[in-house]
């Protein structure tokens, strides 16, 4: 069984800029958002 990677990133506010920054940090820690998309998919 493959182990899942988990990232927890603090976000001190629900303001768009803070949430976007926290999400980017989380994806970066996991190796980047590109590793999650499949051919033909669009990540918004």
C-alpha atoms as a PDB file:
ATOM      1  CA  UNK A   1       0.000   0.000   0.000  1.00  0.00           C
ATOM      2  CA  UNK A   2       1.353   3.419  -0.969  1.00  0.00           C
ATOM      3  CA  UNK A   3       1.657   6.001   1.790  1.00  0.00           C
ATOM      4  CA  UNK A   4      -0.185   9.289   1.280  1.00  0.00           C
ATOM      5  CA  UNK A   5       1.645  12.588   1.561  1.00  0.00           C
ATOM      6  CA  UNK A   6      -0.029  15.166   3.758  1.00  0.00           C
ATOM      7  CA  UNK A   7       0.809  18.843   4.145  1.00  0.00           C
ATOM      8  CA  UNK A   8      -0.641  21.212   6.722  1.00  0.00           C
ATOM      9  CA  UNK A   9      -0.100  24.914   6.089  1.00  0.00           C
ATOM     10  CA  UNK A  10      -1.260  27.673   8.418  1.00  0.00           C
ATOM     11  CA  UNK A  11      -3.494  30.336   6.930  1.00  0.00           C
ATOM     12  CA  UNK A  12      -4.117  33.264   9.246  1.00  0.00           C
ATOM     13  CA  UNK A  13      -7.031  34.744   7.283  1.00  0.00           C
ATOM     14  CA  UNK A  14      -9.749  33.807   4.819  1.00  0.00           C
ATOM     15  CA  UNK A  15      -8.803  36.755   2.613  1.00  0.00           C
ATOM     16  CA  UNK A  16      -8.225  35.593  -0.937  1.00  0.00           C
ATOM     17  CA  UNK A  17      -4.546  36.561  -1.000  1.00  0.00           C
ATOM     18  CA  UNK A  18      -3.773  34.621   2.186  1.00  0.00           C
ATOM     19  CA  UNK A  19      -5.673  31.511   1.076  1.00  0.00           C
ATOM     20  CA  UNK A  20      -4.057  31.548  -2.372  1.00  0.00           C
ATOM     21  CA  UNK A  21      -0.596  31.886  -0.816  1.00  0.00           C
ATOM     22  CA  UNK A  22      -1.221  29.034   1.647  1.00  0.00           C
ATOM     23  CA  UNK A  23      -2.486  26.749  -1.122  1.00  0.00           C
ATOM     24  CA  UNK A  24       0.547  27.530  -3.274  1.00  0.00           C
ATOM     25  CA  UNK A  25       2.888  26.763  -0.354  1.00  0.00           C
ATOM     26  CA  UNK A  26       1.093  23.465   0.251  1.00  0.00           C
ATOM     27  CA  UNK A  27       1.275  22.378  -3.388  1.00  0.00           C
ATOM     28  CA  UNK A  28       4.922  23.433  -3.572  1.00  0.00           C
ATOM     29  CA  UNK A  29       5.714  21.263  -0.548  1.00  0.00           C
ATOM     30  CA  UNK A  30       4.083  18.324  -2.333  1.00  0.00           C
ATOM     31  CA  UNK A  31       6.165  18.841  -5.478  1.00  0.00           C
ATOM     32  CA  UNK A  32       3.986  21.303  -7.387  1.00  0.00           C
ATOM     33  CA  UNK A  33       0.438  21.295  -8.690  1.00  0.00           C
ATOM     34  CA  UNK A  34       1.509  19.893 -12.085  1.00  0.00           C
ATOM     35  CA  UNK A  35       2.029  16.430 -10.626  1.00  0.00           C
ATOM     36  CA  UNK A  36      -1.712  16.199  -9.882  1.00  0.00           C
ATOM     37  CA  UNK A  37      -3.102  17.018 -13.320  1.00  0.00           C
ATOM     38  CA  UNK A  38      -3.716  14.418 -15.985  1.00  0.00           C
ATOM     39  CA  UNK A  39      -3.616  14.937 -19.752  1.00  0.00           C
ATOM     40  CA  UNK A  40      -6.660  16.905 -20.863  1.00  0.00           C
ATOM     41  CA  UNK A  41      -7.470  18.247 -17.388  1.00  0.00           C
ATOM     42  CA  UNK A  42      -7.524  21.925 -16.499  1.00  0.00           C
ATOM     43  CA  UNK A  43      -6.602  22.998 -12.979  1.00  0.00           C
ATOM     44  CA  UNK A  44      -8.360  26.200 -11.929  1.00  0.00           C
END
